[in-house]
PDB file of N, CA and C in Angstrom:
ATOM      1  N   ARG A   1       1.184  -1.008  -0.333  1.00  0.00           N
ATOM      2  CA  ARG A   1       0.542  -0.071   0.525  1.00  0.00           C
ATOM      3  C   ARG A   1       0.572   1.276  -0.043  1.00  0.00           C
ATOM      4  N   ALA A   2       2.172   1.089   0.628  1.00  0.00           N
ATOM      5  CA  ALA A   2       2.637   2.595   1.239  1.00  0.00           C
ATOM      6  C   ALA A   2       3.662   2.424   0.077  1.00  0.00           C
ATOM      7  N   ALA A   3       4.566   2.287  -1.779  1.00  0.00           N
ATOM      8  CA  ALA A   3       4.134   1.559  -2.615  1.00  0.00           C
ATOM      9  C   ALA A   3       3.414   2.604  -3.683  1.00  0.00           C
ATOM     10  N   ARG A   4       2.130   2.204  -3.648  1.00  0.00           N
ATOM     11  CA  ARG A   4       0.806   2.387  -4.242  1.00  0.00           C
ATOM     12  C   ARG A   4       0.987   3.772  -3.905  1.00  0.00           C
ATOM     13  N   ASN A   5       0.867   4.286  -2.742  1.00  0.00           N
ATOM     14  CA  ASN A   5       0.242   5.747  -2.303  1.00  0.00           C
ATOM     15  C   ASN A   5       1.670   6.284  -2.552  1.00  0.00           C
ATOM     16  N   SER A   6       2.827   6.225  -2.824  1.00  0.00           N
ATOM     17  CA  SER A   6       3.990   6.953  -2.785  1.00  0.00           C
ATOM     18  C   SER A   6       4.316   6.663  -4.928  1.00  0.00           C
ATOM     19  N   GLY A   7       3.621   5.982  -5.307  1.00  0.00           N
ATOM     20  CA  GLY A   7       3.907   5.894  -6.883  1.00  0.00           C
ATOM     21  C   GLY A   7       5.174   5.041  -7.011  1.00  0.00           C
ATOM     22  N   SER A   8       5.594   4.250  -6.164  1.00  0.00           N
ATOM     23  CA  SER A   8       6.960   3.150  -6.080  1.00  0.00           C
ATOM     24  C   SER A   8       6.723   1.720  -6.642  1.00  0.00           C
ATOM     25  N   LEU A   9       7.677   1.831  -7.357  1.00  0.00           N
ATOM     26  CA  LEU A   9       8.000   0.304  -8.075  1.00  0.00           C
ATOM     27  C   LEU A   9       8.047  -0.619  -6.638  1.00  0.00           C
ATOM     28  N   VAL A  10       7.044  -1.819  -6.973  1.00  0.00           N
ATOM     29  CA  VAL A  10       7.753  -3.159  -5.958  1.00  0.00           C
ATOM     30  C   VAL A  10       7.852  -4.225  -6.964  1.00  0.00           C
ATOM     31  N   VAL A  11       9.180  -4.834  -6.395  1.00  0.00           N
ATOM     32  CA  VAL A  11       9.149  -6.036  -7.109  1.00  0.00           C
ATOM     33  C   VAL A  11       8.998  -6.529  -6.319  1.00  0.00           C
ATOM     34  N   PRO A  12       8.317  -8.278  -6.782  1.00  0.00           N
ATOM     35  CA  PRO A  12       7.632  -9.164  -5.515  1.00  0.00           C
ATOM     36  C   PRO A  12       7.977 -10.050  -5.393  1.00  0.00           C
ATOM     37  N   VAL A  13       9.512 -10.244  -5.254  1.00  0.00           N
ATOM     38  CA  VAL A  13       9.924 -11.484  -4.733  1.00  0.00           C
ATOM     39  C   VAL A  13       9.583 -12.274  -4.083  1.00  0.00           C
ATOM     40  N   GLY A  14       8.711 -12.088  -2.954  1.00  0.00           N
ATOM     41  CA  GLY A  14       7.948 -12.298  -1.899  1.00  0.00           C
ATOM     42  C   GLY A  14       6.987 -13.338  -2.995  1.00  0.00           C
ATOM     43  N   LEU A  15       6.328 -12.592  -3.228  1.00  0.00           N
ATOM     44  CA  LEU A  15       5.270 -13.874  -3.906  1.00  0.00           C
ATOM     45  C   LEU A  15       5.668 -14.804  -4.894  1.00  0.00           C
ATOM     46  N   ALA A  16       6.745 -14.918  -5.687  1.00  0.00           N
ATOM     47  CA  ALA A  16       7.102 -15.909  -6.956  1.00  0.00           C
ATOM     48  C   ALA A  16       7.884 -16.854  -5.421  1.00  0.00           C
ATOM     49  N   PHE A  17       8.315 -16.589  -4.460  1.00  0.00           N
ATOM     50  CA  PHE A  17       8.843 -17.754  -3.146  1.00  0.00           C
ATOM     51  C   PHE A  17       7.592 -18.254  -2.774  1.00  0.00           C
ATOM     52  N   GLU A  18       6.452 -17.403  -2.430  1.00  0.00           N
ATOM     53  CA  GLU A  18       4.834 -17.372  -2.264  1.00  0.00           C
ATOM     54  C   GLU A  18       4.638 -18.900  -3.133  1.00  0.00           C
ATOM     55  N   ALA A  19       5.236 -18.158  -4.648  1.00  0.00           N
ATOM     56  CA  ALA A  19       4.813 -19.261  -5.897  1.00  0.00           C
ATOM     57  C   ALA A  19       5.402 -20.718  -5.897  1.00  0.00           C
ATOM     58  N   ILE A  20       6.361 -20.895  -5.805  1.00  0.00           N
ATOM     59  CA  ILE A  20       7.195 -22.194  -5.085  1.00  0.00           C
ATOM     60  C   ILE A  20       6.903 -22.544  -4.182  1.00  0.00           C
ATOM     61  N   TYR A  21       6.229 -22.227  -2.904  1.00  0.00           N
ATOM     62  CA  TYR A  21       5.575 -23.396  -1.539  1.00  0.00           C
ATOM     63  C   TYR A  21       4.445 -23.897  -2.431  1.00  0.00           C
ATOM     64  N   GLY A  22       3.168 -22.960  -2.621  1.00  0.00           N
ATOM     65  CA  GLY A  22       2.691 -23.514  -2.782  1.00  0.00           C
ATOM     66  C   GLY A  22       2.769 -24.453  -4.301  1.00  0.00           C
ATOM     67  N   SER A  23       3.418 -24.641  -5.104  1.00  0.00           N
ATOM     68  CA  SER A  23       3.892 -25.719  -5.537  1.00  0.00           C
ATOM     69  C   SER A  23       4.098 -26.639  -5.409  1.00  0.00           C
ATOM     70  N   ASP A  24       5.874 -26.875  -4.943  1.00  0.00           N
ATOM     71  CA  ASP A  24       6.775 -27.750  -4.726  1.00  0.00           C
ATOM     72  C   ASP A  24       7.155 -27.056  -2.774  1.00  0.00           C
ATOM     73  N   LYS A  25       7.322 -28.014  -2.155  1.00  0.00           N
ATOM     74  CA  LYS A  25       7.970 -27.747  -0.481  1.00  0.00           C
ATOM     75  C   LYS A  25       9.203 -27.473  -0.727  1.00  0.00           C
ATOM     76  N   ASP A  26      10.061 -28.627  -1.477  1.00  0.00           N
ATOM     77  CA  ASP A  26      10.954 -29.381  -1.285  1.00  0.00           C
ATOM     78  C   ASP A  26      12.255 -28.298  -2.376  1.00  0.00           C
ATOM     79  N   LEU A  27      11.534 -28.073  -3.363  1.00  0.00           N
ATOM     80  CA  LEU A  27      12.204 -26.606  -4.066  1.00  0.00           C
ATOM     81  C   LEU A  27      12.223 -25.347  -2.928  1.00  0.00           C
ATOM     82  N   PHE A  28      10.987 -24.861  -2.803  1.00  0.00           N
ATOM     83  CA  PHE A  28      10.845 -23.931  -1.837  1.00  0.00           C
ATOM     84  C   PHE A  28      12.203 -24.064  -1.158  1.00  0.00           C
ATOM     85  N   LYS A  29      12.090 -24.994  -0.035  1.00  0.00           N
ATOM     86  CA  LYS A  29      13.409 -25.112   1.135  1.00  0.00           C
ATOM     87  C   LYS A  29      14.751 -24.738   0.161  1.00  0.00           C
ATOM     88  N   SER A  30      15.220 -25.541  -0.737  1.00  0.00           N
ATOM     89  CA  SER A  30      16.406 -25.326  -1.512  1.00  0.00           C
ATOM     90  C   SER A  30      16.397 -23.632  -1.813  1.00  0.00           C
ATOM     91  N   LEU A  31      15.516 -23.034  -1.846  1.00  0.00           N
ATOM     92  CA  LEU A  31      15.510 -21.371  -1.869  1.00  0.00           C
ATOM     93  C   LEU A  31      16.456 -20.811  -0.842  1.00  0.00           C
ATOM     94  N   TYR A  32      16.372 -21.605   0.265  1.00  0.00           N
ATOM     95  CA  TYR A  32      17.210 -20.922   0.930  1.00  0.00           C
ATOM     96  C   TYR A  32      18.698 -21.458   2.078  1.00  0.00           C
ATOM     97  N   ALA A  33      19.505 -21.004   2.179  1.00  0.00           N
ATOM     98  CA  ALA A  33      20.826 -20.959   2.072  1.00  0.00           C
ATOM     99  C   ALA A  33      20.588 -21.743   3.432  1.00  0.00           C
ATOM    100  N   ALA A  34      21.365 -22.537   3.900  1.00  0.00           N
ATOM    101  CA  ALA A  34      21.720 -23.541   5.530  1.00  0.00           C
ATOM    102  C   ALA A  34      21.148 -23.150   6.940  1.00  0.00           C
ATOM    103  N   ASP A  35      20.990 -21.439   6.688  1.00  0.00           N
ATOM    104  CA  ASP A  35      21.261 -20.642   8.014  1.00  0.00           C
ATOM    105  C   ASP A  35      18.967 -20.707   7.899  1.00  0.00           C
ATOM    106  N   GLY A  36      18.812 -21.182   6.740  1.00  0.00           N
ATOM    107  CA  GLY A  36      17.420 -20.878   7.082  1.00  0.00           C
ATOM    108  C   GLY A  36      16.801 -19.251   6.589  1.00  0.00           C
ATOM    109  N   SER A  37      17.583 -18.105   7.027  1.00  0.00           N
ATOM    110  CA  SER A  37      16.929 -17.556   6.469  1.00  0.00           C
ATOM    111  C   SER A  37      17.489 -16.566   4.841  1.00  0.00           C
ATOM    112  N   HIS A  38      18.532 -16.339   4.900  1.00  0.00           N
ATOM    113  CA  HIS A  38      19.194 -15.740   3.300  1.00  0.00           C
ATOM    114  C   HIS A  38      19.308 -16.944   2.347  1.00  0.00           C
ATOM    115  N   PRO A  39      19.079 -16.340   1.086  1.00  0.00           N
ATOM    116  CA  PRO A  39      18.789 -17.238  -0.091  1.00  0.00           C
ATOM    117  C   PRO A  39      20.135 -17.859  -0.458  1.00  0.00           C
ATOM    118  N   SER A  40      19.678 -19.017  -0.873  1.00  0.00           N
ATOM    119  CA  SER A  40      20.262 -19.938  -1.277  1.00  0.00           C
ATOM    120  C   SER A  40      20.973 -19.251  -3.117  1.00  0.00           C
ATOM    121  N   GLU A  41      22.182 -20.409  -3.682  1.00  0.00           N
ATOM    122  CA  GLU A  41      21.619 -19.701  -5.255  1.00  0.00           C
ATOM    123  C   GLU A  41      20.571 -19.634  -5.939  1.00  0.00           C
ATOM    124  N   LEU A  42      19.604 -20.873  -5.598  1.00  0.00           N
ATOM    125  CA  LEU A  42      18.308 -20.613  -6.004  1.00  0.00           C
ATOM    126  C   LEU A  42      17.553 -19.673  -5.767  1.00  0.00           C
ATOM    127  N   GLY A  43      17.599 -19.520  -4.861  1.00  0.00           N
ATOM    128  CA  GLY A  43      16.635 -18.474  -4.322  1.00  0.00           C
ATOM    129  C   GLY A  43      17.107 -16.909  -5.025  1.00  0.00           C
ATOM    130  N   ALA A  44      18.468 -16.540  -5.200  1.00  0.00           N
ATOM    131  CA  ALA A  44      19.200 -15.509  -5.344  1.00  0.00           C
ATOM    132  C   ALA A  44      18.577 -15.292  -7.147  1.00  0.00           C
ATOM    133  N   TYR A  45      18.674 -16.734  -7.735  1.00  0.00           N
ATOM    134  CA  TYR A  45      18.430 -16.690  -9.104  1.00  0.00           C
ATOM    135  C   TYR A  45      16.922 -16.328  -9.522  1.00  0.00           C
ATOM    136  N   LEU A  46      16.082 -16.353  -8.352  1.00  0.00           N
ATOM    137  CA  LEU A  46      14.419 -16.474  -8.659  1.00  0.00           C
ATOM    138  C   LEU A  46      14.571 -15.278  -8.051  1.00  0.00           C
ATOM    139  N   ALA A  47      15.081 -14.826  -7.347  1.00  0.00           N
ATOM    140  CA  ALA A  47      14.882 -13.312  -7.108  1.00  0.00           C
ATOM    141  C   ALA A  47      15.807 -12.108  -7.932  1.00  0.00           C
ATOM    142  N   ALA A  48      16.743 -12.273  -8.989  1.00  0.00           N
ATOM    143  CA  ALA A  48      17.176 -12.295 -10.345  1.00  0.00           C
ATOM    144  C   ALA A  48      15.897 -12.193 -11.436  1.00  0.00           C
ATOM    145  N   CYS A  49      15.696 -13.312 -11.295  1.00  0.00           N
ATOM    146  CA  CYS A  49      14.602 -13.241 -12.720  1.00  0.00           C
ATOM    147  C   CYS A  49      13.308 -12.300 -12.172  1.00  0.00           C
ATOM    148  N   VAL A  50      12.627 -11.939 -10.658  1.00  0.00           N
ATOM    149  CA  VAL A  50      11.696 -11.106 -10.973  1.00  0.00           C
ATOM    150  C   VAL A  50      12.099  -9.878 -10.736  1.00  0.00           C
ATOM    151  N   PHE A  51      13.327  -9.383 -10.564  1.00  0.00           N
ATOM    152  CA  PHE A  51      13.812  -7.746 -11.187  1.00  0.00           C
ATOM    153  C   PHE A  51      14.166  -7.861 -12.736  1.00  0.00           C
ATOM    154  N   ILE A  52      14.270  -9.335 -13.017  1.00  0.00           N
ATOM    155  CA  ILE A  52      14.036  -8.200 -14.324  1.00  0.00           C
ATOM    156  C   ILE A  52      12.971  -8.710 -15.113  1.00  0.00           C
ATOM    157  N   GLU A  53      12.249  -9.336 -14.693  1.00  0.00           N
ATOM    158  CA  GLU A  53      11.056  -9.217 -15.314  1.00  0.00           C
ATOM    159  C   GLU A  53       9.888  -8.046 -14.906  1.00  0.00           C
ATOM    160  N   THR A  54      10.320  -7.405 -13.011  1.00  0.00           N
ATOM    161  CA  THR A  54       9.597  -6.209 -13.065  1.00  0.00           C
ATOM    162  C   THR A  54      10.212  -4.854 -13.635  1.00  0.00           C
ATOM    163  N   LEU A  55      11.497  -4.943 -13.669  1.00  0.00           N
ATOM    164  CA  LEU A  55      11.742  -3.656 -13.899  1.00  0.00           C
ATOM    165  C   LEU A  55      12.277  -3.754 -15.379  1.00  0.00           C
ATOM    166  N   THR A  56      12.095  -5.060 -16.260  1.00  0.00           N
ATOM    167  CA  THR A  56      12.525  -4.572 -17.917  1.00  0.00           C
ATOM    168  C   THR A  56      11.133  -5.365 -18.914  1.00  0.00           C
ATOM    169  N   ASN A  57      10.238  -5.761 -18.191  1.00  0.00           N
ATOM    170  CA  ASN A  57       9.459  -6.262 -18.740  1.00  0.00           C
ATOM    171  C   ASN A  57       9.987  -7.256 -19.699  1.00  0.00           C
ATOM    172  N   ARG A  58      10.497  -7.426 -19.473  1.00  0.00           N
ATOM    173  CA  ARG A  58      11.456  -8.634 -20.816  1.00  0.00           C
ATOM    174  C   ARG A  58      11.064  -9.925 -19.526  1.00  0.00           C
ATOM    175  N   ASP A  59      10.596 -10.845 -20.350  1.00  0.00           N
ATOM    176  CA  ASP A  59      10.366 -12.663 -19.719  1.00  0.00           C
ATOM    177  C   ASP A  59      11.475 -12.999 -19.508  1.00  0.00           C
ATOM    178  N   ALA A  60      11.392 -13.464 -18.459  1.00  0.00           N
ATOM    179  CA  ALA A  60      12.435 -14.185 -17.404  1.00  0.00           C
ATOM    180  C   ALA A  60      12.462 -15.369 -18.182  1.00  0.00           C
ATOM    181  N   ALA A  61      11.278 -16.087 -19.183  1.00  0.00           N
ATOM    182  CA  ALA A  61      11.635 -17.190 -19.405  1.00  0.00           C
ATOM    183  C   ALA A  61      12.565 -17.632 -20.875  1.00  0.00           C
ATOM    184  N   GLN A  62      13.382 -16.083 -21.289  1.00  0.00           N
ATOM    185  CA  GLN A  62      13.984 -15.797 -22.881  1.00  0.00           C
ATOM    186  C   GLN A  62      14.716 -16.102 -21.760  1.00  0.00           C
ATOM    187  N   ILE A  63      15.522 -15.449 -20.829  1.00  0.00           N
ATOM    188  CA  ILE A  63      16.800 -15.674 -20.594  1.00  0.00           C
ATOM    189  C   ILE A  63      17.542 -17.014 -20.767  1.00  0.00           C
ATOM    190  N   LYS A  64      18.443 -17.173 -21.106  1.00  0.00           N
ATOM    191  CA  LYS A  64      19.188 -18.285 -21.418  1.00  0.00           C
ATOM    192  C   LYS A  64      20.414 -18.796 -20.693  1.00  0.00           C
ATOM    193  N   TRP A  65      20.513 -17.973 -20.163  1.00  0.00           N
ATOM    194  CA  TRP A  65      22.074 -18.309 -18.735  1.00  0.00           C
ATOM    195  C   TRP A  65      20.724 -18.776 -17.470  1.00  0.00           C
ATOM    196  N   ASN A  66      21.546 -19.985 -16.877  1.00  0.00           N
ATOM    197  CA  ASN A  66      20.985 -20.750 -15.989  1.00  0.00           C
ATOM    198  C   ASN A  66      22.107 -20.461 -14.850  1.00  0.00           C
ATOM    199  N   GLY A  67      23.213 -20.334 -15.071  1.00  0.00           N
ATOM    200  CA  GLY A  67      24.239 -20.076 -13.710  1.00  0.00           C
ATOM    201  C   GLY A  67      24.630 -21.408 -13.884  1.00  0.00           C
ATOM    202  N   SER A  68      24.733 -22.409 -12.617  1.00  0.00           N
ATOM    203  CA  SER A  68      24.876 -23.021 -12.520  1.00  0.00           C
ATOM    204  C   SER A  68      23.541 -24.227 -12.151  1.00  0.00           C
ATOM    205  N   LEU A  69      22.611 -24.029 -12.271  1.00  0.00           N
ATOM    206  CA  LEU A  69      20.935 -24.648 -12.111  1.00  0.00           C
ATOM    207  C   LEU A  69      21.324 -25.672 -13.538  1.00  0.00           C
ATOM    208  N   ASP A  70      20.005 -26.179 -13.021  1.00  0.00           N
ATOM    209  CA  ASP A  70      19.486 -27.724 -14.003  1.00  0.00           C
ATOM    210  C   ASP A  70      18.461 -26.302 -14.712  1.00  0.00           C
ATOM    211  N   SER A  71      18.629 -26.812 -15.705  1.00  0.00           N
ATOM    212  CA  SER A  71      17.907 -25.927 -16.982  1.00  0.00           C
ATOM    213  C   SER A  71      16.384 -26.032 -16.447  1.00  0.00           C
ATOM    214  N   SER A  72      15.647 -27.655 -16.421  1.00  0.00           N
ATOM    215  CA  SER A  72      14.052 -27.379 -15.613  1.00  0.00           C
ATOM    216  C   SER A  72      13.923 -27.149 -14.338  1.00  0.00           C
ATOM    217  N   VAL A  73      15.466 -26.683 -13.291  1.00  0.00           N
ATOM    218  CA  VAL A  73      14.808 -25.759 -12.258  1.00  0.00           C
ATOM    219  C   VAL A  73      14.951 -24.521 -12.619  1.00  0.00           C
ATOM    220  N   ALA A  74      15.517 -23.956 -13.238  1.00  0.00           N
ATOM    221  CA  ALA A  74      15.665 -22.909 -13.192  1.00  0.00           C
ATOM    222  C   ALA A  74      14.807 -22.574 -14.650  1.00  0.00           C
ATOM    223  N   ASN A  75      14.096 -23.005 -15.451  1.00  0.00           N
ATOM    224  CA  ASN A  75      12.031 -22.840 -15.601  1.00  0.00           C
ATOM    225  C   ASN A  75      10.937 -23.057 -14.835  1.00  0.00           C
ATOM    226  N   VAL A  76      11.573 -23.907 -13.864  1.00  0.00           N
ATOM    227  CA  VAL A  76      10.526 -23.346 -12.674  1.00  0.00           C
ATOM    228  C   VAL A  76      10.541 -22.463 -11.931  1.00  0.00           C
ATOM    229  N   LEU A  77      12.182 -21.453 -11.699  1.00  0.00           N
ATOM    230  CA  LEU A  77      11.915 -20.713 -11.190  1.00  0.00           C
ATOM    231  C   LEU A  77      11.794 -19.135 -12.439  1.00  0.00           C
ATOM    232  N   LYS A  78      12.044 -19.682 -13.014  1.00  0.00           N
ATOM    233  CA  LYS A  78      11.474 -18.226 -14.064  1.00  0.00           C
ATOM    234  C   LYS A  78      10.004 -18.278 -14.421  1.00  0.00           C
ATOM    235  N   GLN A  79       9.364 -19.543 -14.346  1.00  0.00           N
ATOM    236  CA  GLN A  79       7.745 -19.528 -14.421  1.00  0.00           C
ATOM    237  C   GLN A  79       7.135 -18.643 -13.433  1.00  0.00           C
ATOM    238  N   ALA A  80       7.287 -19.450 -11.746  1.00  0.00           N
ATOM    239  CA  ALA A  80       7.451 -18.532 -10.825  1.00  0.00           C
ATOM    240  C   ALA A  80       7.545 -16.852 -10.638  1.00  0.00           C
ATOM    241  N   ALA A  81       8.608 -16.994 -11.149  1.00  0.00           N
ATOM    242  CA  ALA A  81       8.888 -15.134 -11.391  1.00  0.00           C
ATOM    243  C   ALA A  81       7.808 -14.341 -12.447  1.00  0.00           C
ATOM    244  N   LYS A  82       7.769 -14.894 -13.259  1.00  0.00           N
ATOM    245  CA  LYS A  82       6.643 -14.248 -14.206  1.00  0.00           C
ATOM    246  C   LYS A  82       5.115 -14.143 -13.668  1.00  0.00           C
ATOM    247  N   GLN A  83       4.566 -15.341 -13.264  1.00  0.00           N
ATOM    248  CA  GLN A  83       3.786 -15.540 -12.496  1.00  0.00           C
ATOM    249  C   GLN A  83       3.527 -14.291 -11.365  1.00  0.00           C
ATOM    250  N   ALA A  84       4.939 -14.476 -10.564  1.00  0.00           N
ATOM    251  CA  ALA A  84       4.741 -13.176  -9.409  1.00  0.00           C
ATOM    252  C   ALA A  84       4.744 -11.779  -9.746  1.00  0.00           C
ATOM    253  N   SER A  85       4.637 -11.871 -11.005  1.00  0.00           N
ATOM    254  CA  SER A  85       5.399 -10.494 -11.691  1.00  0.00           C
ATOM    255  C   SER A  85       3.976  -9.752 -12.603  1.00  0.00           C
ATOM    256  N   ASN A  86       2.963 -10.809 -12.603  1.00  0.00           N
ATOM    257  CA  ASN A  86       1.963 -10.041 -14.074  1.00  0.00           C
ATOM    258  C   ASN A  86       1.261 -10.198 -12.955  1.00  0.00           C
TER     259      ASN A  86
END
């Protein structure tokens, strides 16, 4: 609400995490580092995809770079980013 009232842009990373939580609890757990608080490589990749979707209006699914992630996992994360950004 604060962003809406101030005309600010919100990057909905939390909604992307929530989408993964609702569809795959094991994958959701892997979004966090061992401390259970900070993002793992997967969580950081998901957040980056949401930023790309939000800031550039570019479909994250079109990104060819998956880092060290398996392409099928990267694709799931890209789809969650798209879902959160729409």
